[in-house]
């Protein structure tokens, strides 16, 4: 995973199975980032906190781990920026599933289309990259968020 060594990593919509897989990798890779896992599902966040207790993670790895419910924040971007210490994140992974358009209509390839210009690192702007996997009607489209 190409995350910044010793940087700050946010895993957005990250308390589900894919996000927890990314969390596991980030915790035990050689990069040692500060970690924030944000999600809107409090049950998933509670389960993630049970599986990865922040105090135990800190003692075991030296990594600061925070679980945050961005669904309860008035301004999620400002709330996550505040959790980061005001600097934002070096890397952001987003695992929010959204239904693909034309669900059920197989297409031979995946497509990527940028919807805005990526921001410089630590800029408060947000860039989105929509990725639609339509080869298999069971696939979902994903959204990559860079803060």
Protein backbone atom coordinates (compact mmCIF):
# COMPACT_ATOMS: atom_id res chain seq x y z
CA UNK A 1 0.00 0.00 0.00
CA UNK A 2 1.53 3.32 -1.02
CA UNK A 3 0.67 5.29 2.10
CA UNK A 4 3.01 7.89 3.55
CA UNK A 5 5.36 6.55 6.18
CA UNK A 6 4.45 8.03 9.56
CA UNK A 7 1.67 10.05 7.89
CA UNK A 8 -2.03 10.31 8.62
CA UNK A 9 -4.44 7.84 7.01
CA UNK A 10 -8.23 8.11 6.98
CA UNK A 11 -10.29 5.07 6.04
CA UNK A 12 -13.72 6.48 5.15
CA UNK A 13 -16.74 4.14 5.24
CA UNK A 14 -14.11 1.89 6.75
CA UNK A 15 -15.86 -0.14 9.46
CA UNK A 16 -17.12 -2.80 7.05
CA UNK A 17 -15.19 -5.87 5.91
CA UNK A 18 -13.11 -4.17 3.20
CA UNK A 19 -12.25 -1.20 5.40
CA UNK A 20 -11.21 -3.47 8.25
CA UNK A 21 -9.01 -5.40 5.83
CA UNK A 22 -7.30 -2.13 4.88
CA UNK A 23 -7.03 -1.23 8.57
CA UNK A 24 -5.38 -4.56 9.35
CA UNK A 25 -2.84 -4.03 6.59
CA UNK A 26 -2.12 -0.43 7.67
CA UNK A 27 -1.65 -1.49 11.30
CA UNK A 28 0.90 -4.16 10.51
CA UNK A 29 2.76 -2.74 7.50
CA UNK A 30 6.05 -0.90 7.91
CA UNK A 31 4.50 2.59 7.32
CA UNK A 32 3.04 3.13 10.83
CA UNK A 33 0.49 5.86 9.99
CA UNK A 34 -1.82 7.57 12.44
CA UNK A 35 -5.24 6.10 11.64
CA UNK A 36 -8.80 7.35 11.61
CA UNK A 37 -11.60 4.97 10.65
CA UNK A 38 -14.78 6.90 9.83
CA UNK A 39 -18.17 5.40 9.16
CA UNK A 40 -21.84 6.34 9.52
CA UNK A 41 -22.85 2.99 11.02
CA UNK A 42 -22.32 3.07 14.80
CA UNK A 43 -22.85 -0.70 15.16
CA UNK A 44 -20.01 -1.34 12.71
CA UNK A 45 -17.80 1.21 14.48
CA UNK A 46 -18.51 -0.43 17.84
CA UNK A 47 -17.63 -3.85 16.41
CA UNK A 48 -14.45 -2.46 14.86
CA UNK A 49 -13.49 -0.90 18.19
CA UNK A 50 -14.03 -4.27 19.85
CA UNK A 51 -11.87 -6.05 17.25
CA UNK A 52 -9.20 -3.34 17.26
CA UNK A 53 -9.23 -1.68 20.72
CA UNK A 54 -7.37 1.63 20.25
CA UNK A 55 -5.51 1.41 23.61
CA UNK A 56 -4.29 -2.11 22.83
CA UNK A 57 -3.32 -1.12 19.28
CA UNK A 58 -1.33 1.83 20.65
CA UNK A 59 0.47 -0.43 23.17
CA UNK A 60 1.17 -3.12 20.57
CA UNK A 61 2.11 -1.02 17.52
CA UNK A 62 2.60 2.56 18.71
CA UNK A 63 -0.11 3.66 16.26
CA UNK A 64 -2.83 6.10 17.29
CA UNK A 65 -6.18 4.71 16.12
CA UNK A 66 -9.44 6.67 16.24
CA UNK A 67 -12.93 5.48 15.29
CA UNK A 68 -15.30 8.32 14.32
CA UNK A 69 -18.95 8.45 13.31
CA UNK A 70 -18.91 11.07 10.55
CA UNK A 71 -22.68 10.61 10.14
CA UNK A 72 -23.16 12.38 13.45
CA UNK A 73 -20.93 15.31 12.50
CA UNK A 74 -22.55 18.59 11.39
CA UNK A 75 -19.68 19.08 8.94
CA UNK A 76 -17.85 15.77 8.30
CA UNK A 77 -14.95 17.39 6.44
CA UNK A 78 -14.33 19.86 9.27
CA UNK A 79 -14.84 17.11 11.87
CA UNK A 80 -12.32 14.79 10.26
CA UNK A 81 -9.89 17.67 9.75
CA UNK A 82 -10.19 18.47 13.48
CA UNK A 83 -9.47 14.83 14.39
CA UNK A 84 -6.35 15.03 12.19
CA UNK A 85 -5.04 17.91 14.29
CA UNK A 86 -6.08 20.46 11.70
CA UNK A 87 -3.70 19.34 8.96
CA UNK A 88 -5.89 16.86 7.09
CA UNK A 89 -4.72 13.46 5.91
CA UNK A 90 -1.81 12.34 3.80
CA UNK A 91 -3.83 9.43 2.45
CA UNK A 92 -7.55 8.60 2.32
CA UNK A 93 -9.13 5.28 1.40
CA UNK A 94 -12.88 5.14 0.85
CA UNK A 95 -14.96 1.97 0.90
CA UNK A 96 -18.46 3.43 0.42
CA UNK A 97 -20.52 1.19 -1.86
CA UNK A 98 -22.95 2.79 -4.27
CA UNK A 99 -25.16 1.01 -6.79
CA UNK A 100 -23.80 1.12 -10.35
CA UNK A 101 -25.99 2.67 -13.04
CA UNK A 102 -27.43 0.06 -15.33
CA UNK A 103 -27.18 -2.58 -12.61
CA UNK A 104 -27.71 -5.93 -14.23
CA UNK A 105 -26.51 -4.80 -17.65
CA UNK A 106 -23.11 -6.47 -18.15
CA UNK A 107 -20.40 -4.39 -19.79
CA UNK A 108 -16.97 -5.64 -20.80
CA UNK A 109 -14.76 -3.25 -18.82
CA UNK A 110 -14.38 -0.90 -15.88
CA UNK A 111 -14.35 2.85 -16.43
CA UNK A 112 -12.79 5.70 -14.44
CA UNK A 113 -13.83 9.29 -14.79
CA UNK A 114 -12.46 12.16 -12.69
CA UNK A 115 -15.17 14.59 -11.61
CA UNK A 116 -12.82 17.26 -10.29
CA UNK A 117 -9.12 18.05 -10.25
CA UNK A 118 -7.21 16.37 -7.42
CA UNK A 119 -6.22 18.75 -4.65
CA UNK A 120 -2.66 19.30 -3.45
CA UNK A 121 -1.86 17.27 -0.33
CA UNK A 122 -3.48 18.69 2.81
CA UNK A 123 -5.69 21.08 0.85
CA UNK A 124 -9.19 21.22 2.34
CA UNK A 125 -10.74 20.65 -1.11
CA UNK A 126 -12.17 17.28 -2.01
CA UNK A 127 -11.61 15.43 -5.27
CA UNK A 128 -13.74 12.53 -6.42
CA UNK A 129 -12.93 9.72 -8.82
CA UNK A 130 -15.89 7.60 -9.81
CA UNK A 131 -15.06 4.00 -10.66
CA UNK A 132 -17.76 1.74 -12.07
CA UNK A 133 -17.17 -1.98 -12.31
CA UNK A 134 -19.79 -3.29 -14.68
CA UNK A 135 -18.28 -6.48 -16.10
CA UNK A 136 -20.29 -8.49 -13.58
CA UNK A 137 -23.81 -7.34 -12.65
CA UNK A 138 -22.98 -8.11 -9.01
CA UNK A 139 -20.26 -5.46 -8.83
CA UNK A 140 -20.81 -2.10 -7.23
CA UNK A 141 -19.41 1.27 -8.21
CA UNK A 142 -16.99 2.92 -5.79
CA UNK A 143 -16.10 6.48 -4.94
CA UNK A 144 -12.57 7.54 -4.03
CA UNK A 145 -12.42 10.58 -1.78
CA UNK A 146 -9.24 12.58 -1.31
CA UNK A 147 -9.18 15.17 1.46
